[in-house]
Amino acid sequence: MPEAAAAPAPANPAPPPPAPELLPVGSPAPAFTTVAHDGQKVDLAKLKGKYVVLYFYPKDDTPGCTKEACDIRDNWAKMQKAGVAVFGVSTQDNTSHKAFAEKYKLPFPLLPDDKGEIAAKYKVPVVNGNARRITYLIGKDGKIKHVWPKVTPVGHSAEILAQIETS
């Protein structure tokens, strides 16, 4: 009986695309203007001279995002004393942000990024409609001072404050 021809080896699946590079430390923070959940107009260019924290998070009122927001809320007095402007950014709209901020008494603005435009400027991946949990610290000079590519929600505000104190 003749031998059956060997089945062709399965083709190697294409490797996943590389993760985009986040903005490097020292690069200028991309400008943006938007209206926060509380009606405040936020223009990054007007915040030069202050430290600015842009923390991207996946979704309002989900376990990890709630822990991260409440951790920042619970350290708000220290953030204020350090002169830090904090903005949470996710792909939900201001209706969702307003409910989230009121439910947890968040004292800082949440920015809508429903089209993913701010995330794109900061090279934050948006997966299944949700931004990855990444934080940027922008220095008083308007340049990226520190990047947290992987954030642990609880204790993150202490990491941010420690980074500012070493500046």
N, C-alpha and C. Protein backbone atom coordinates (compact mmCIF):
# COMPACT_ATOMS: atom_id res chain seq x y z
N MET A 1 0.85 -1.16 0.00
CA MET A 1 0.00 0.00 0.00
C MET A 1 0.90 1.24 0.00
N PRO A 2 0.65 2.18 -0.91
CA PRO A 2 1.54 3.35 -0.95
C PRO A 2 1.33 4.22 0.28
N GLU A 3 2.42 4.83 0.68
CA GLU A 3 2.33 5.71 1.85
C GLU A 3 1.56 6.97 1.49
N ALA A 4 0.73 7.41 2.43
CA ALA A 4 -0.03 8.65 2.21
C ALA A 4 0.95 9.82 2.28
N ALA A 5 0.69 10.79 1.46
CA ALA A 5 1.55 11.97 1.48
C ALA A 5 1.39 12.68 2.82
N ALA A 6 2.48 13.13 3.33
CA ALA A 6 2.42 13.83 4.62
C ALA A 6 1.62 15.12 4.45
N ALA A 7 0.82 15.38 5.43
CA ALA A 7 0.04 16.62 5.40
C ALA A 7 1.02 17.79 5.52
N PRO A 8 0.72 18.86 4.80
CA PRO A 8 1.64 20.00 4.92
C PRO A 8 1.65 20.52 6.35
N ALA A 9 2.81 20.96 6.76
CA ALA A 9 2.93 21.51 8.12
C ALA A 9 2.04 22.74 8.21
N PRO A 10 1.36 22.89 9.34
CA PRO A 10 0.52 24.09 9.46
C PRO A 10 1.38 25.34 9.39
N ALA A 11 0.86 26.31 8.69
CA ALA A 11 1.59 27.57 8.58
C ALA A 11 1.63 28.25 9.94
N ASN A 12 2.73 28.86 10.23
CA ASN A 12 2.81 29.58 11.51
C ASN A 12 1.87 30.77 11.46
N PRO A 13 1.05 30.91 12.49
CA PRO A 13 0.16 32.08 12.49
C PRO A 13 1.01 33.35 12.58
N ALA A 14 0.49 34.38 12.00
CA ALA A 14 1.21 35.66 12.04
C ALA A 14 1.35 36.12 13.48
N PRO A 15 2.51 36.63 13.84
CA PRO A 15 2.65 37.11 15.23
C PRO A 15 1.75 38.31 15.45
N PRO A 16 1.33 38.52 16.69
CA PRO A 16 0.49 39.69 16.95
C PRO A 16 1.28 40.96 16.66
N PRO A 17 0.58 42.02 16.29
CA PRO A 17 1.31 43.26 16.03
C PRO A 17 1.99 43.73 17.30
N PRO A 18 3.16 44.35 17.17
CA PRO A 18 3.85 44.81 18.37
C PRO A 18 3.03 45.86 19.10
N ALA A 19 3.18 45.87 20.41
CA ALA A 19 2.49 46.89 21.20
C ALA A 19 3.07 48.24 20.81
N PRO A 20 2.20 49.24 20.66
CA PRO A 20 2.74 50.54 20.27
C PRO A 20 3.63 51.09 21.38
N GLU A 21 4.63 51.81 20.97
CA GLU A 21 5.52 52.44 21.94
C GLU A 21 4.76 53.58 22.60
N LEU A 22 4.86 53.66 23.90
CA LEU A 22 4.25 54.78 24.60
C LEU A 22 5.15 56.00 24.39
N LEU A 23 4.63 57.16 24.70
CA LEU A 23 5.44 58.37 24.55
C LEU A 23 6.64 58.30 25.49
N PRO A 24 7.83 58.64 24.99
CA PRO A 24 9.01 58.55 25.85
C PRO A 24 9.13 59.72 26.81
N VAL A 25 9.78 59.45 27.93
CA VAL A 25 10.08 60.50 28.90
C VAL A 25 10.90 61.57 28.18
N GLY A 26 10.57 62.82 28.44
CA GLY A 26 11.28 63.93 27.83
C GLY A 26 10.60 64.48 26.59
N SER A 27 9.65 63.74 26.04
CA SER A 27 8.96 64.24 24.85
C SER A 27 7.84 65.21 25.27
N PRO A 28 7.49 66.14 24.39
CA PRO A 28 6.42 67.08 24.74
C PRO A 28 5.08 66.34 24.88
N ALA A 29 4.32 66.71 25.88
CA ALA A 29 2.99 66.11 26.06
C ALA A 29 2.07 66.67 24.99
N PRO A 30 1.39 65.79 24.24
CA PRO A 30 0.50 66.28 23.18
C PRO A 30 -0.63 67.14 23.76
N ALA A 31 -0.88 68.25 23.09
CA ALA A 31 -1.92 69.17 23.53
C ALA A 31 -3.30 68.60 23.22
N PHE A 32 -4.25 68.94 24.04
CA PHE A 32 -5.65 68.61 23.78
C PHE A 32 -6.52 69.57 24.57
N THR A 33 -7.75 69.71 24.12
CA THR A 33 -8.75 70.51 24.81
C THR A 33 -10.02 69.69 24.83
N THR A 34 -10.68 69.65 25.98
CA THR A 34 -11.94 68.92 26.09
C THR A 34 -12.73 69.51 27.25
N VAL A 35 -13.94 69.04 27.43
CA VAL A 35 -14.78 69.47 28.55
C VAL A 35 -14.97 68.28 29.48
N ALA A 36 -14.59 68.45 30.74
CA ALA A 36 -14.68 67.38 31.74
C ALA A 36 -16.12 67.13 32.17
N HIS A 37 -16.30 66.07 32.94
CA HIS A 37 -17.65 65.67 33.39
C HIS A 37 -18.33 66.77 34.21
N ASP A 38 -17.52 67.63 34.86
CA ASP A 38 -18.09 68.68 35.72
C ASP A 38 -18.28 69.99 34.97
N GLY A 39 -18.11 69.97 33.64
CA GLY A 39 -18.32 71.16 32.84
C GLY A 39 -17.07 72.03 32.67
N GLN A 40 -16.00 71.68 33.38
CA GLN A 40 -14.75 72.44 33.31
C GLN A 40 -14.08 72.21 31.96
N LYS A 41 -13.67 73.30 31.31
CA LYS A 41 -12.91 73.18 30.06
C LYS A 41 -11.46 72.89 30.43
N VAL A 42 -10.91 71.84 29.86
CA VAL A 42 -9.54 71.45 30.15
C VAL A 42 -8.70 71.66 28.89
N ASP A 43 -7.70 72.53 29.02
CA ASP A 43 -6.77 72.82 27.93
C ASP A 43 -5.38 72.54 28.49
N LEU A 44 -4.77 71.45 28.05
CA LEU A 44 -3.48 71.04 28.61
C LEU A 44 -2.45 72.15 28.52
N ALA A 45 -2.45 72.91 27.45
CA ALA A 45 -1.46 73.98 27.26
C ALA A 45 -1.53 75.01 28.39
N LYS A 46 -2.71 75.22 28.95
CA LYS A 46 -2.87 76.22 30.01
C LYS A 46 -2.42 75.70 31.38
N LEU A 47 -2.02 74.43 31.44
CA LEU A 47 -1.61 73.84 32.71
C LEU A 47 -0.09 73.81 32.87
N LYS A 48 0.62 74.42 31.92
CA LYS A 48 2.08 74.49 32.04
C LYS A 48 2.42 75.19 33.34
N GLY A 49 3.46 74.71 34.01
CA GLY A 49 3.83 75.27 35.31
C GLY A 49 3.29 74.44 36.46
N LYS A 50 2.47 73.43 36.15
CA LYS A 50 1.93 72.51 37.15
C LYS A 50 2.28 71.09 36.73
N TYR A 51 2.36 70.21 37.71
CA TYR A 51 2.42 68.78 37.37
C TYR A 51 1.03 68.36 36.96
N VAL A 52 0.95 67.53 35.92
CA VAL A 52 -0.33 67.02 35.46
C VAL A 52 -0.26 65.50 35.40
N VAL A 53 -1.23 64.85 35.99
CA VAL A 53 -1.35 63.40 35.90
C VAL A 53 -2.51 63.10 34.96
N LEU A 54 -2.21 62.36 33.91
CA LEU A 54 -3.26 61.84 33.02
C LEU A 54 -3.29 60.35 33.25
N TYR A 55 -4.33 59.89 33.91
CA TYR A 55 -4.39 58.45 34.11
C TYR A 55 -5.52 57.89 33.24
N PHE A 56 -5.13 57.01 32.34
CA PHE A 56 -6.07 56.34 31.44
C PHE A 56 -6.54 55.09 32.14
N TYR A 57 -7.84 54.84 32.07
CA TYR A 57 -8.41 53.66 32.71
C TYR A 57 -9.47 53.06 31.80
N PRO A 58 -9.73 51.75 31.96
CA PRO A 58 -10.65 51.08 31.02
C PRO A 58 -12.11 51.54 31.06
N LYS A 59 -12.74 51.55 32.25
CA LYS A 59 -14.19 51.78 32.24
C LYS A 59 -14.70 52.25 33.59
N ASP A 60 -15.60 53.23 33.55
CA ASP A 60 -16.22 53.74 34.77
C ASP A 60 -16.91 52.61 35.55
N ASP A 61 -16.82 52.71 36.88
CA ASP A 61 -17.58 51.87 37.80
C ASP A 61 -17.33 50.37 37.60
N THR A 62 -16.09 50.01 37.28
CA THR A 62 -15.70 48.60 37.25
C THR A 62 -14.71 48.42 38.40
N PRO A 63 -14.49 47.19 38.86
CA PRO A 63 -13.72 47.00 40.10
C PRO A 63 -12.34 47.67 40.14
N GLY A 64 -11.48 47.39 39.16
CA GLY A 64 -10.14 47.97 39.19
C GLY A 64 -10.15 49.47 39.03
N CYS A 65 -11.02 49.96 38.16
CA CYS A 65 -11.08 51.41 37.91
C CYS A 65 -11.61 52.15 39.12
N THR A 66 -12.55 51.54 39.81
CA THR A 66 -13.09 52.15 41.03
C THR A 66 -12.01 52.20 42.10
N LYS A 67 -11.24 51.11 42.25
CA LYS A 67 -10.16 51.10 43.25
C LYS A 67 -9.13 52.18 42.95
N GLU A 68 -8.77 52.32 41.67
CA GLU A 68 -7.77 53.32 41.29
C GLU A 68 -8.29 54.74 41.57
N ALA A 69 -9.52 55.02 41.16
CA ALA A 69 -10.10 56.35 41.36
C ALA A 69 -10.22 56.67 42.85
N CYS A 70 -10.65 55.70 43.64
CA CYS A 70 -10.82 55.93 45.08
C CYS A 70 -9.47 56.08 45.78
N ASP A 71 -8.44 55.38 45.28
CA ASP A 71 -7.09 55.53 45.83
C ASP A 71 -6.61 56.97 45.63
N ILE A 72 -6.85 57.51 44.45
CA ILE A 72 -6.46 58.90 44.18
C ILE A 72 -7.31 59.85 45.04
N ARG A 73 -8.61 59.57 45.11
CA ARG A 73 -9.51 60.40 45.94
C ARG A 73 -9.03 60.42 47.40
N ASP A 74 -8.66 59.25 47.90
CA ASP A 74 -8.26 59.15 49.31
C ASP A 74 -6.94 59.85 49.60
N ASN A 75 -6.17 60.14 48.56
CA ASN A 75 -4.90 60.86 48.71
C ASN A 75 -4.97 62.24 48.08
N TRP A 76 -6.19 62.73 47.89
CA TRP A 76 -6.41 63.98 47.19
C TRP A 76 -5.73 65.16 47.89
N ALA A 77 -5.79 65.22 49.22
CA ALA A 77 -5.18 66.34 49.95
C ALA A 77 -3.68 66.39 49.66
N LYS A 78 -3.04 65.23 49.61
CA LYS A 78 -1.59 65.18 49.32
C LYS A 78 -1.33 65.62 47.89
N MET A 79 -2.19 65.22 46.98
CA MET A 79 -2.04 65.61 45.56
C MET A 79 -2.16 67.14 45.45
N GLN A 80 -3.16 67.69 46.13
CA GLN A 80 -3.38 69.14 46.10
C GLN A 80 -2.16 69.87 46.67
N LYS A 81 -1.66 69.36 47.80
CA LYS A 81 -0.51 69.98 48.46
C LYS A 81 0.71 69.98 47.53
N ALA A 82 0.85 68.91 46.73
CA ALA A 82 1.97 68.80 45.79
C ALA A 82 1.73 69.62 44.52
N GLY A 83 0.54 70.23 44.41
CA GLY A 83 0.23 71.07 43.26
C GLY A 83 -0.01 70.29 41.97
N VAL A 84 -0.61 69.12 42.11
CA VAL A 84 -0.82 68.25 40.95
C VAL A 84 -2.25 68.39 40.43
N ALA A 85 -2.37 68.54 39.12
CA ALA A 85 -3.68 68.49 38.46
C ALA A 85 -3.86 67.04 37.99
N VAL A 86 -4.94 66.41 38.40
CA VAL A 86 -5.19 65.01 38.06
C VAL A 86 -6.42 64.92 37.16
N PHE A 87 -6.29 64.13 36.10
CA PHE A 87 -7.40 63.90 35.18
C PHE A 87 -7.48 62.42 34.86
N GLY A 88 -8.67 61.84 35.09
CA GLY A 88 -8.92 60.47 34.67
C GLY A 88 -9.47 60.51 33.25
N VAL A 89 -8.97 59.62 32.39
CA VAL A 89 -9.40 59.59 30.99
C VAL A 89 -9.85 58.18 30.63
N SER A 90 -11.08 58.07 30.12
CA SER A 90 -11.53 56.79 29.59
C SER A 90 -12.46 57.05 28.42
N THR A 91 -12.86 55.97 27.78
CA THR A 91 -13.64 56.10 26.54
C THR A 91 -15.14 56.30 26.78
N GLN A 92 -15.55 56.43 28.02
CA GLN A 92 -16.97 56.70 28.28
C GLN A 92 -17.24 58.20 28.10
N ASP A 93 -18.52 58.52 27.99
CA ASP A 93 -18.91 59.92 27.82
C ASP A 93 -19.12 60.58 29.19
N ASN A 94 -19.43 61.87 29.16
CA ASN A 94 -19.56 62.63 30.41
C ASN A 94 -20.77 62.20 31.25
N THR A 95 -21.79 61.64 30.63
CA THR A 95 -22.93 61.14 31.41
C THR A 95 -22.46 60.01 32.32
N SER A 96 -21.70 59.08 31.77
CA SER A 96 -21.16 57.97 32.55
C SER A 96 -20.16 58.49 33.59
N HIS A 97 -19.29 59.41 33.17
CA HIS A 97 -18.29 59.96 34.09
C HIS A 97 -18.95 60.69 35.27
N LYS A 98 -20.01 61.43 34.98
CA LYS A 98 -20.67 62.19 36.03
C LYS A 98 -21.26 61.23 37.08
N ALA A 99 -21.90 60.17 36.63
CA ALA A 99 -22.48 59.19 37.56
C ALA A 99 -21.38 58.53 38.40
N PHE A 100 -20.27 58.18 37.76
CA PHE A 100 -19.14 57.54 38.44
C PHE A 100 -18.54 58.49 39.49
N ALA A 101 -18.31 59.73 39.09
CA ALA A 101 -17.71 60.71 40.00
C ALA A 101 -18.63 61.00 41.19
N GLU A 102 -19.94 61.10 40.93
CA GLU A 102 -20.88 61.38 42.03
C GLU A 102 -20.98 60.19 42.98
N LYS A 103 -21.04 58.98 42.42
CA LYS A 103 -21.19 57.78 43.24
C LYS A 103 -20.03 57.63 44.23
N TYR A 104 -18.81 57.94 43.77
CA TYR A 104 -17.62 57.74 44.61
C TYR A 104 -17.02 59.05 45.12
N LYS A 105 -17.74 60.17 44.92
CA LYS A 105 -17.29 61.47 45.40
C LYS A 105 -15.86 61.78 44.95
N LEU A 106 -15.63 61.63 43.65
CA LEU A 106 -14.30 61.89 43.10
C LEU A 106 -14.10 63.40 42.97
N PRO A 107 -13.01 63.93 43.54
CA PRO A 107 -12.80 65.37 43.54
C PRO A 107 -12.04 65.91 42.32
N PHE A 108 -11.73 65.05 41.37
CA PHE A 108 -10.95 65.47 40.20
C PHE A 108 -11.76 65.21 38.93
N PRO A 109 -11.43 65.94 37.86
CA PRO A 109 -12.20 65.81 36.62
C PRO A 109 -11.93 64.49 35.88
N LEU A 110 -12.98 63.96 35.31
CA LEU A 110 -12.88 62.81 34.41
C LEU A 110 -13.12 63.33 33.00
N LEU A 111 -12.27 62.92 32.08
CA LEU A 111 -12.34 63.43 30.72
C LEU A 111 -12.91 62.39 29.77
N PRO A 112 -13.87 62.80 28.94
CA PRO A 112 -14.44 61.87 27.98
C PRO A 112 -13.48 61.69 26.80
N ASP A 113 -13.33 60.46 26.37
CA ASP A 113 -12.50 60.17 25.19
C ASP A 113 -13.22 59.11 24.36
N ASP A 114 -14.52 59.38 24.11
CA ASP A 114 -15.35 58.37 23.45
C ASP A 114 -14.90 58.04 22.03
N LYS A 115 -14.12 58.92 21.41
CA LYS A 115 -13.60 58.63 20.07
C LYS A 115 -12.15 58.13 20.14
N GLY A 116 -11.59 58.06 21.34
CA GLY A 116 -10.22 57.57 21.50
C GLY A 116 -9.15 58.53 21.01
N GLU A 117 -9.50 59.81 20.87
CA GLU A 117 -8.54 60.77 20.31
C GLU A 117 -7.41 61.12 21.28
N ILE A 118 -7.74 61.27 22.56
CA ILE A 118 -6.69 61.58 23.54
C ILE A 118 -5.79 60.35 23.69
N ALA A 119 -6.41 59.18 23.79
CA ALA A 119 -5.62 57.93 23.90
C ALA A 119 -4.68 57.80 22.71
N ALA A 120 -5.15 58.11 21.51
CA ALA A 120 -4.30 58.00 20.32
C ALA A 120 -3.11 58.95 20.40
N LYS A 121 -3.34 60.18 20.87
CA LYS A 121 -2.25 61.15 20.98
C LYS A 121 -1.18 60.66 21.96
N TYR A 122 -1.62 59.93 22.99
CA TYR A 122 -0.69 59.44 24.01
C TYR A 122 -0.29 57.98 23.77
N LYS A 123 -0.67 57.46 22.61
CA LYS A 123 -0.33 56.09 22.19
C LYS A 123 -0.80 55.04 23.19
N VAL A 124 -1.93 55.32 23.83
CA VAL A 124 -2.53 54.36 24.77
C VAL A 124 -3.42 53.42 23.96
N PRO A 125 -3.14 52.12 24.00
CA PRO A 125 -3.98 51.19 23.24
C PRO A 125 -5.42 51.20 23.76
N VAL A 126 -6.37 51.14 22.83
CA VAL A 126 -7.78 50.99 23.17
C VAL A 126 -8.19 49.61 22.64
N VAL A 127 -8.55 48.72 23.56
CA VAL A 127 -8.88 47.34 23.22
C VAL A 127 -10.35 47.10 23.53
N ASN A 128 -11.09 46.63 22.54
CA ASN A 128 -12.54 46.40 22.70
C ASN A 128 -13.24 47.64 23.25
N GLY A 129 -12.80 48.80 22.79
CA GLY A 129 -13.45 50.05 23.20
C GLY A 129 -12.98 50.62 24.52
N ASN A 130 -12.05 49.94 25.19
CA ASN A 130 -11.58 50.40 26.50
C ASN A 130 -10.09 50.73 26.47
N ALA A 131 -9.72 51.87 27.04
CA ALA A 131 -8.32 52.26 27.12
C ALA A 131 -7.58 51.35 28.10
N ARG A 132 -6.32 51.10 27.82
CA ARG A 132 -5.49 50.35 28.77
C ARG A 132 -5.18 51.24 29.96
N ARG A 133 -4.87 50.60 31.08
CA ARG A 133 -4.57 51.32 32.32
C ARG A 133 -3.11 51.78 32.27
N ILE A 134 -2.91 53.03 31.89
CA ILE A 134 -1.58 53.62 31.73
C ILE A 134 -1.64 55.04 32.29
N THR A 135 -0.58 55.45 32.99
CA THR A 135 -0.55 56.80 33.55
C THR A 135 0.67 57.56 33.05
N TYR A 136 0.44 58.82 32.73
CA TYR A 136 1.52 59.74 32.37
C TYR A 136 1.59 60.83 33.43
N LEU A 137 2.82 61.15 33.84
CA LEU A 137 3.07 62.33 34.67
C LEU A 137 3.74 63.34 33.75
N ILE A 138 3.11 64.49 33.63
CA ILE A 138 3.63 65.57 32.80
C ILE A 138 4.25 66.60 33.73
N GLY A 139 5.49 66.96 33.43
CA GLY A 139 6.22 67.91 34.27
C GLY A 139 5.74 69.33 34.07
N LYS A 140 6.23 70.21 34.92
CA LYS A 140 5.85 71.63 34.86
C LYS A 140 6.24 72.27 33.54
N ASP A 141 7.22 71.66 32.84
CA ASP A 141 7.68 72.18 31.55
C ASP A 141 6.85 71.68 30.37
N GLY A 142 5.80 70.88 30.67
CA GLY A 142 4.95 70.38 29.60
C GLY A 142 5.49 69.14 28.91
N LYS A 143 6.53 68.53 29.48
CA LYS A 143 7.11 67.33 28.89
C LYS A 143 6.80 66.11 29.76
N ILE A 144 6.78 64.94 29.11
CA ILE A 144 6.52 63.70 29.83
C ILE A 144 7.66 63.48 30.82
N LYS A 145 7.28 63.35 32.09
CA LYS A 145 8.27 63.18 33.15
C LYS A 145 8.39 61.72 33.57
N HIS A 146 7.27 61.00 33.56
CA HIS A 146 7.30 59.59 33.95
C HIS A 146 6.10 58.89 33.30
N VAL A 147 6.29 57.60 33.01
CA VAL A 147 5.21 56.80 32.41
C VAL A 147 5.08 55.51 33.22
N TRP A 148 3.85 55.17 33.56
CA TRP A 148 3.56 53.88 34.19
C TRP A 148 2.81 53.05 33.15
N PRO A 149 3.51 52.13 32.46
CA PRO A 149 2.85 51.35 31.41
C PRO A 149 1.91 50.27 31.97
N LYS A 150 2.15 49.87 33.22
CA LYS A 150 1.27 48.89 33.88
C LYS A 150 1.01 49.43 35.26
N VAL A 151 -0.24 49.67 35.55
CA VAL A 151 -0.61 50.31 36.82
C VAL A 151 -1.33 49.32 37.71
N THR A 152 -0.91 49.27 38.97
CA THR A 152 -1.65 48.54 39.99
C THR A 152 -2.57 49.57 40.63
N PRO A 153 -3.91 49.36 40.53
CA PRO A 153 -4.85 50.40 40.96
C PRO A 153 -4.67 50.87 42.40
N VAL A 154 -4.47 49.96 43.35
CA VAL A 154 -4.33 50.36 44.74
C VAL A 154 -2.87 50.70 45.01
N GLY A 155 -2.64 51.91 45.51
CA GLY A 155 -1.28 52.35 45.81
C GLY A 155 -0.68 53.20 44.70
N HIS A 156 -1.41 53.39 43.61
CA HIS A 156 -0.86 54.14 42.49
C HIS A 156 -0.65 55.61 42.84
N SER A 157 -1.53 56.19 43.63
CA SER A 157 -1.35 57.60 43.99
C SER A 157 -0.07 57.80 44.77
N ALA A 158 0.32 56.82 45.61
CA ALA A 158 1.58 56.92 46.36
C ALA A 158 2.77 56.89 45.39
N GLU A 159 2.67 56.07 44.33
CA GLU A 159 3.74 56.03 43.32
C GLU A 159 3.88 57.38 42.63
N ILE A 160 2.74 57.98 42.30
CA ILE A 160 2.76 59.28 41.63
C ILE A 160 3.40 60.32 42.54
N LEU A 161 2.96 60.37 43.80
CA LEU A 161 3.51 61.35 44.74
C LEU A 161 5.00 61.14 44.97
N ALA A 162 5.44 59.89 45.04
CA ALA A 162 6.86 59.59 45.23
C ALA A 162 7.66 60.10 44.04
N GLN A 163 7.11 59.95 42.85
CA GLN A 163 7.80 60.41 41.65
C GLN A 163 7.93 61.94 41.64
N ILE A 164 6.89 62.62 42.09
CA ILE A 164 6.92 64.09 42.15
C ILE A 164 7.93 64.56 43.19
N GLU A 165 7.96 63.87 44.33
CA GLU A 165 8.86 64.28 45.41
C GLU A 165 10.32 64.14 45.00
N THR A 166 10.64 63.21 44.10
CA THR A 166 12.03 63.03 43.68
C THR A 166 12.41 64.01 42.58
N SER A 167 11.46 64.83 42.17
CA SER A 167 11.73 65.79 41.08
C SER A 167 12.43 67.03 41.60
